[in-house]
C-alpha atoms as a PDB file:
ATOM      1  CA  MET A   1      -0.301 -40.334  -8.210  1.00  0.00           C
ATOM      2  CA  LEU A   2      -0.136 -36.882  -9.778  1.00  0.00           C
ATOM      3  CA  ILE A   3      -3.942 -36.624  -9.751  1.00  0.00           C
ATOM      4  CA  TRP A   4      -3.963 -37.322  -5.992  1.00  0.00           C
ATOM      5  CA  HIS A   5      -1.727 -34.309  -5.389  1.00  0.00           C
ATOM      6  CA  PHE A   6      -4.009 -32.046  -7.405  1.00  0.00           C
ATOM      7  CA  VAL A   7      -7.197 -33.229  -5.739  1.00  0.00           C
ATOM      8  CA  LYS A   8      -5.781 -32.804  -2.223  1.00  0.00           C
ATOM      9  CA  THR A   9      -4.314 -29.370  -2.956  1.00  0.00           C
ATOM     10  CA  GLU A  10      -7.000 -27.954  -5.238  1.00  0.00           C
ATOM     11  CA  GLY A  11      -8.047 -24.557  -3.919  1.00  0.00           C
ATOM     12  CA  CYS A  12      -4.885 -24.116  -1.855  1.00  0.00           C
ATOM     13  CA  SER A  13      -2.518 -21.206  -2.153  1.00  0.00           C
ATOM     14  CA  GLY A  14       1.220 -21.735  -1.930  1.00  0.00           C
ATOM     15  CA  ALA A  15       1.111 -20.650   1.716  1.00  0.00           C
ATOM     16  CA  GLU A  16      -1.606 -23.199   2.468  1.00  0.00           C
ATOM     17  CA  ILE A  17       0.412 -25.989   0.831  1.00  0.00           C
ATOM     18  CA  THR A  18       3.405 -24.937   2.930  1.00  0.00           C
ATOM     19  CA  ALA A  19       1.248 -25.087   6.066  1.00  0.00           C
ATOM     20  CA  MET A  20       0.001 -28.528   5.007  1.00  0.00           C
ATOM     21  CA  CYS A  21       3.581 -29.789   4.709  1.00  0.00           C
ATOM     22  CA  GLN A  22       4.501 -28.347   8.087  1.00  0.00           C
ATOM     23  CA  ASP A  23       1.433 -29.929   9.691  1.00  0.00           C
ATOM     24  CA  ALA A  24       2.292 -33.292   8.138  1.00  0.00           C
ATOM     25  CA  ALA A  25       5.823 -33.061   9.549  1.00  0.00           C
ATOM     26  CA  LEU A  26       4.469 -32.217  13.001  1.00  0.00           C
ATOM     27  CA  LEU A  27       2.116 -35.208  12.851  1.00  0.00           C
ATOM     28  CA  ALA A  28       5.052 -37.463  11.990  1.00  0.00           C
ATOM     29  CA  MET A  29       7.108 -36.040  14.863  1.00  0.00           C
ATOM     30  CA  ARG A  30       4.238 -36.508  17.327  1.00  0.00           C
ATOM     31  CA  GLU A  31       4.268 -40.196  16.437  1.00  0.00           C
ATOM     32  CA  ASN A  32       8.053 -40.440  16.646  1.00  0.00           C
ATOM     33  CA  ILE A  33      10.231 -37.467  17.517  1.00  0.00           C
ATOM     34  CA  HIS A  34      13.057 -39.105  15.540  1.00  0.00           C
ATOM     35  CA  ALA A  35      10.915 -39.808  12.454  1.00  0.00           C
ATOM     36  CA  GLN A  36      13.003 -40.083   9.308  1.00  0.00           C
ATOM     37  CA  ASN A  37      10.054 -39.680   6.911  1.00  0.00           C
ATOM     38  CA  VAL A  38       6.692 -38.019   6.539  1.00  0.00           C
ATOM     39  CA  THR A  39       4.256 -40.554   5.132  1.00  0.00           C
ATOM     40  CA  ARG A  40       1.295 -40.266   2.806  1.00  0.00           C
ATOM     41  CA  VAL A  41      -0.973 -40.813   5.815  1.00  0.00           C
ATOM     42  CA  HIS A  42       0.506 -37.735   7.493  1.00  0.00           C
ATOM     43  CA  PHE A  43      -0.076 -35.649   4.361  1.00  0.00           C
ATOM     44  CA  LEU A  44      -3.651 -36.914   4.014  1.00  0.00           C
ATOM     45  CA  SER A  45      -4.376 -36.039   7.640  1.00  0.00           C
ATOM     46  CA  ALA A  46      -2.844 -32.601   7.201  1.00  0.00           C
ATOM     47  CA  ALA A  47      -4.752 -32.000   3.948  1.00  0.00           C
ATOM     48  CA  ALA A  48      -8.043 -32.755   5.669  1.00  0.00           C
ATOM     49  CA  GLY A  49      -7.446 -29.890   8.095  1.00  0.00           C
ATOM     50  CA  VAL A  50      -6.443 -27.187   5.612  1.00  0.00           C
ATOM     51  CA  ARG A  51      -8.962 -24.441   4.930  1.00  0.00           C
ATOM     52  CA  ARG A  52      -8.794 -23.654   1.228  1.00  0.00           C
ATOM     53  CA  GLN A  53      -8.862 -19.950   0.385  1.00  0.00           C
ATOM     54  CA  VAL A  54      -8.631 -20.027  -3.418  1.00  0.00           C
ATOM     55  CA  THR A  55     -12.296 -20.333  -4.357  1.00  0.00           C
ATOM     56  CA  LYS A  56     -13.870 -20.134  -7.803  1.00  0.00           C
ATOM     57  CA  GLU A  57     -14.934 -16.590  -6.932  1.00  0.00           C
ATOM     58  CA  VAL A  58     -11.328 -15.602  -6.174  1.00  0.00           C
ATOM     59  CA  ILE A  59     -10.169 -17.054  -9.497  1.00  0.00           C
ATOM     60  CA  THR A  60     -12.982 -15.277 -11.365  1.00  0.00           C
ATOM     61  CA  ARG A  61     -12.075 -11.974  -9.669  1.00  0.00           C
ATOM     62  CA  PHE A  62      -8.399 -12.426 -10.579  1.00  0.00           C
ATOM     63  CA  GLU A  63      -9.254 -13.265 -14.212  1.00  0.00           C
ATOM     64  CA  SER A  64     -11.465 -10.159 -14.439  1.00  0.00           C
ATOM     65  CA  TRP A  65      -8.673  -8.015 -13.028  1.00  0.00           C
ATOM     66  CA  ARG A  66      -6.186  -9.579 -15.454  1.00  0.00           C
ATOM     67  CA  GLU A  67      -8.415  -8.851 -18.444  1.00  0.00           C
ATOM     68  CA  ALA A  68      -9.124  -5.299 -17.280  1.00  0.00           C
ATOM     69  CA  SER A  69      -5.448  -4.574 -16.706  1.00  0.00           C
ATOM     70  CA  GLY A  70      -4.375  -5.975 -20.069  1.00  0.00           C
ATOM     71  CA  LEU A  71      -1.986  -8.446 -18.451  1.00  0.00           C
ATOM     72  CA  THR A  72      -1.494 -11.426 -20.733  1.00  0.00           C
ATOM     73  CA  GLU A  73       1.439 -13.240 -19.084  1.00  0.00           C
ATOM     74  CA  ALA A  74       2.820 -13.481 -15.597  1.00  0.00           C
END
């Protein structure tokens, strides 16, 4: 199950994962305003609609900046 989470959130920032969770909750509430749970189906639907902003180019740029700045730990 852990791999599923990574695959569905790969390339997402923390803000995008937050938006995904909020969208999943809204989907659950549209089905039933008194929904007690957000299901895997809701999360999968929400994940399909998230535009991922953390591309390989962004990671490469960050790593270059980190090396240039001498930062070794965050």
